[in-house]
Every structure is written in structure tokens, then in C-alpha cells.
Amino acid sequence: MRGDHDAFAQLADAAFPRLYGTAGLILGDEPAAQEAIQAALIRAWQDLPRLRDPERFEAWLYRIAINACHDEGRRRQRVRQREIGLGAMDPGAPNDPLTWVADRDELDRAFVRLTLDQRTILALVFYRDMTLPQAAAAIGAPLGTAKSRLHRALEALRAAVAAEGRPLEQEVDA
């Protein structure tokens, strides 16, 4: 917090793999995840003097990273809309490799149909194994809001999977 570049670099290096993996899940695009995490680390360095509770550094950094993911997702959506004129997920490995590939592909296609908020809560809870209170803190929302977002995100994921044409072999349950 006193401007020590090396200390910040150690903290950022320790958190980077989890942040980058989460950004990849939320955005579904490696270059977008790289951009978002780079922006988040720059913002964290700039805002570090305003960190009130150093013990909560990683939760604070997650919040910044999630906001950066949302910013990057909105930016890329605007670019895509102009262009057309307007995963790294691992859902688990069933015994049959062909079923796993089909399920993963189906889940990936369904996941990208979700909104950024829906992908965020699912990524934090199911892929980063955060508890709901931890996820709520990471997104900066009350616990009740995080619970309702998770519920709506699971419903949307189920609907997106159904829209893809066939149910998953292993259904996602909260």
C-alpha cells in the first residue's frame, strides 16, 4: 500500500491464475480475459492506497477483476454489434470420453448464451468453488441478491441447454 512494486507483484502473481481462469470463464475468450485482467491489475495498482482492509486483498482484487470482465464484455459486444451492423470450462469428466466432449461442447454453447452477470455467478460458485457469501462479496452484492442471481442463472443455463436440443447427461444442480 506504500507503493512497493515488488510486494504488489508478489500478491498479483499469487492471484493471477485464479483471476485469469475466472475471467476466461466469464468472457469465454482468451484475448478478452487477458485484456480484462491486465486492466484489473492496473486499476488495482492505482486504487491500492484506497484499500481499507488489507486482509481482504484477494476479495477486493476479485471485485476489480469481475468489474473489468464486465467492462471488457460490454466493450466487445459493442464492437461485435458494429461489425455485424447493429472455454476453459471443465464441467467434469464422465466415464465415456465421447459423452464428455459432447456435453462440454453443449455446455460451452449454452454458457455463451448467458448474460455476463449469469456467467459471473456460475463461474464463481461452480468453477472457482466460492461459497455464496464469498461470491456475493466478489460481485459486490448482498447475499440474497447473489442467491437469486445464482437461481436465475441456473434456470437460464438449463433453458439454454434445452434450446441446444438435448439435455445434459449430468444436470447442474445447486
Protein backbone atom coordinates (compact mmCIF):
# COMPACT_ATOMS: atom_id res chain seq x y z
CA MET A 1 0.00 0.00 0.00
CA ARG A 2 3.06 2.23 0.28
CA GLY A 3 3.98 1.85 -3.38
CA ASP A 4 6.23 -1.23 -3.16
CA HIS A 5 6.14 -2.61 -6.71
CA ASP A 6 7.72 -5.94 -5.70
CA ALA A 7 5.20 -6.58 -2.92
CA PHE A 8 2.30 -5.84 -5.25
CA ALA A 9 3.83 -8.07 -7.93
CA GLN A 10 4.03 -10.99 -5.46
CA LEU A 11 0.39 -10.58 -4.45
CA ALA A 12 -0.74 -10.22 -8.06
CA ASP A 13 1.34 -13.23 -9.19
CA ALA A 14 -0.24 -15.40 -6.49
CA ALA A 15 -3.78 -14.40 -7.50
CA PHE A 16 -3.24 -14.29 -11.28
CA PRO A 17 -4.05 -17.92 -12.20
CA ARG A 18 -7.41 -17.82 -10.39
CA LEU A 19 -8.27 -14.37 -11.73
CA TYR A 20 -7.32 -15.28 -15.29
CA GLY A 21 -9.24 -18.57 -15.13
CA THR A 22 -12.31 -16.79 -13.80
CA ALA A 23 -12.06 -14.12 -16.49
CA GLY A 24 -11.82 -16.85 -19.12
CA LEU A 25 -14.96 -18.48 -17.79
CA ILE A 26 -16.89 -15.23 -17.63
CA LEU A 27 -15.82 -13.92 -21.02
CA GLY A 28 -15.31 -17.20 -22.88
CA ASP A 29 -12.48 -15.69 -24.89
CA GLU A 30 -8.74 -15.80 -24.10
CA PRO A 31 -7.80 -12.40 -25.56
CA ALA A 32 -10.74 -10.77 -23.76
CA ALA A 33 -9.70 -12.43 -20.48
CA GLN A 34 -6.13 -11.18 -20.94
CA GLU A 35 -7.35 -7.64 -21.58
CA ALA A 36 -9.69 -7.70 -18.59
CA ILE A 37 -7.08 -9.00 -16.13
CA GLN A 38 -4.47 -6.56 -17.38
CA ALA A 39 -6.95 -3.71 -16.87
CA ALA A 40 -7.88 -5.08 -13.44
CA LEU A 41 -4.26 -5.25 -12.26
CA ILE A 42 -3.60 -1.71 -13.46
CA ARG A 43 -6.74 -0.49 -11.71
CA ALA A 44 -5.78 -2.40 -8.54
CA TRP A 45 -2.32 -0.82 -8.51
CA GLN A 46 -3.84 2.64 -8.95
CA ASP A 47 -6.52 2.07 -6.29
CA LEU A 48 -4.30 0.24 -3.80
CA PRO A 49 -3.91 3.25 -1.47
CA ARG A 50 -7.72 3.23 -1.05
CA LEU A 51 -7.86 -0.43 0.07
CA ARG A 52 -9.40 -0.22 3.54
CA ASP A 53 -8.83 -3.79 4.74
CA PRO A 54 -5.54 -5.33 3.54
CA GLU A 55 -6.67 -8.74 4.88
CA ARG A 56 -9.37 -8.73 2.16
CA PHE A 57 -6.93 -8.01 -0.69
CA GLU A 58 -7.88 -11.04 -2.77
CA ALA A 59 -11.65 -10.43 -2.45
CA TRP A 60 -11.04 -6.78 -3.36
CA LEU A 61 -8.96 -7.85 -6.36
CA TYR A 62 -11.68 -10.31 -7.48
CA ARG A 63 -14.22 -7.50 -7.39
CA ILE A 64 -12.00 -5.32 -9.55
CA ALA A 65 -11.39 -8.23 -11.95
CA ILE A 66 -15.09 -9.00 -12.27
CA ASN A 67 -15.84 -5.37 -12.99
CA ALA A 68 -13.07 -5.38 -15.61
CA CYS A 69 -14.59 -8.52 -17.17
CA HIS A 70 -17.96 -6.83 -17.39
CA ASP A 71 -16.37 -3.71 -18.92
CA GLU A 72 -14.48 -5.82 -21.46
CA GLY A 73 -17.58 -7.89 -22.26
CA ARG A 74 -19.64 -4.75 -22.90
CA ARG A 75 -16.84 -3.25 -25.00
CA ARG A 76 -16.53 -6.36 -27.12
CA GLN A 77 -20.30 -6.61 -27.51
CA ARG A 78 -20.41 -3.04 -28.87
CA VAL A 79 -17.60 -3.89 -31.29
CA ARG A 80 -19.44 -7.05 -32.44
CA GLN A 81 -22.66 -5.11 -32.93
CA ARG A 82 -20.86 -2.53 -35.04
CA GLU A 83 -19.15 -5.25 -37.08
CA ILE A 84 -22.43 -7.01 -37.90
CA GLY A 85 -24.29 -3.79 -38.34
CA LEU A 86 -26.41 -3.34 -35.47
CA GLY A 87 -13.64 -22.23 -22.55
CA ALA A 88 -11.69 -23.27 -20.49
CA MET A 89 -14.54 -24.81 -18.60
CA ASP A 90 -14.25 -28.28 -17.25
CA PRO A 91 -17.77 -29.50 -16.38
CA GLY A 92 -16.46 -32.77 -15.00
CA ALA A 93 -15.43 -35.89 -16.78
CA PRO A 94 -17.99 -38.64 -17.34
CA ASN A 95 -16.64 -42.13 -17.94
CA ASP A 96 -17.21 -42.03 -21.70
CA PRO A 97 -14.81 -39.58 -23.39
CA LEU A 98 -17.21 -39.02 -26.31
CA THR A 99 -20.01 -38.12 -23.91
CA TRP A 100 -17.68 -35.77 -22.08
CA VAL A 101 -16.74 -33.98 -25.32
CA ALA A 102 -20.37 -33.72 -26.42
CA ASP A 103 -21.51 -32.47 -23.01
CA ARG A 104 -18.68 -29.96 -22.78
CA ASP A 105 -19.43 -28.63 -26.25
CA GLU A 106 -23.11 -28.37 -25.43
CA LEU A 107 -22.42 -26.66 -22.12
CA ASP A 108 -19.98 -24.24 -23.77
CA ARG A 109 -22.59 -23.29 -26.37
CA ALA A 110 -25.23 -22.85 -23.68
CA PHE A 111 -22.86 -20.90 -21.39
CA VAL A 112 -22.13 -18.26 -24.03
CA ARG A 113 -25.88 -17.61 -24.37
CA LEU A 114 -25.97 -16.37 -20.77
CA THR A 115 -25.53 -12.76 -19.73
CA LEU A 116 -22.28 -11.58 -18.17
CA ASP A 117 -23.93 -11.47 -14.72
CA GLN A 118 -25.19 -15.04 -15.11
CA ARG A 119 -21.81 -16.34 -16.30
CA THR A 120 -20.10 -14.48 -13.46
CA ILE A 121 -22.09 -16.03 -10.61
CA LEU A 122 -21.90 -19.52 -12.14
CA ALA A 123 -18.15 -19.25 -12.69
CA LEU A 124 -17.52 -18.08 -9.14
CA VAL A 125 -19.70 -20.67 -7.42
CA PHE A 126 -19.24 -23.77 -9.57
CA TYR A 127 -15.82 -23.32 -11.15
CA ARG A 128 -13.96 -21.30 -8.52
CA ASP A 129 -15.70 -23.13 -5.63
CA MET A 130 -16.58 -19.93 -3.82
CA THR A 131 -19.28 -20.06 -1.20
CA LEU A 132 -22.29 -17.85 -1.86
CA PRO A 133 -21.12 -15.28 0.72
CA GLN A 134 -17.70 -15.15 -0.97
CA ALA A 135 -19.28 -14.81 -4.41
CA ALA A 136 -21.60 -12.08 -3.10
CA ALA A 137 -18.60 -10.17 -1.78
CA ALA A 138 -16.74 -10.65 -5.07
CA ILE A 139 -19.62 -9.21 -7.11
CA GLY A 140 -20.38 -6.54 -4.53
CA ALA A 141 -23.95 -7.64 -3.88
CA PRO A 142 -25.92 -8.69 -0.79
CA LEU A 143 -26.14 -12.43 -0.11
CA GLY A 144 -29.83 -12.57 -1.06
CA THR A 145 -29.09 -10.94 -4.40
CA ALA A 146 -26.30 -13.43 -5.09
CA LYS A 147 -28.66 -16.32 -4.25
CA SER A 148 -31.34 -15.04 -6.61
CA ARG A 149 -28.79 -14.40 -9.36
CA LEU A 150 -27.49 -17.94 -8.98
CA HIS A 151 -31.00 -19.34 -9.14
CA ARG A 152 -31.86 -17.32 -12.25
CA ALA A 153 -28.51 -18.19 -13.86
CA LEU A 154 -29.11 -21.93 -13.34
CA GLU A 155 -32.59 -21.59 -14.83
CA ALA A 156 -31.16 -19.71 -17.80
CA LEU A 157 -28.42 -22.33 -18.25
CA ARG A 158 -30.98 -25.14 -18.20
CA ALA A 159 -33.08 -23.25 -20.76
CA ALA A 160 -30.03 -22.64 -22.95
CA VAL A 161 -29.08 -26.33 -22.79
CA ALA A 162 -32.66 -27.28 -23.69
CA ALA A 163 -32.53 -24.83 -26.59
CA GLU A 164 -29.44 -26.62 -27.86
CA GLY A 165 -31.55 -29.70 -28.46
CA ARG A 166 -30.83 -32.33 -25.84
CA PRO A 167 -30.47 -32.49 -22.04
CA LEU A 168 -27.06 -32.87 -20.46
CA GLU A 169 -26.12 -36.31 -19.20
CA GLN A 170 -25.25 -34.77 -15.84
CA GLU A 171 -27.63 -31.95 -14.98
CA VAL A 172 -26.30 -28.98 -12.99
CA ASP A 173 -27.96 -28.64 -9.56
CA ALA A 174 -27.38 -26.03 -6.87
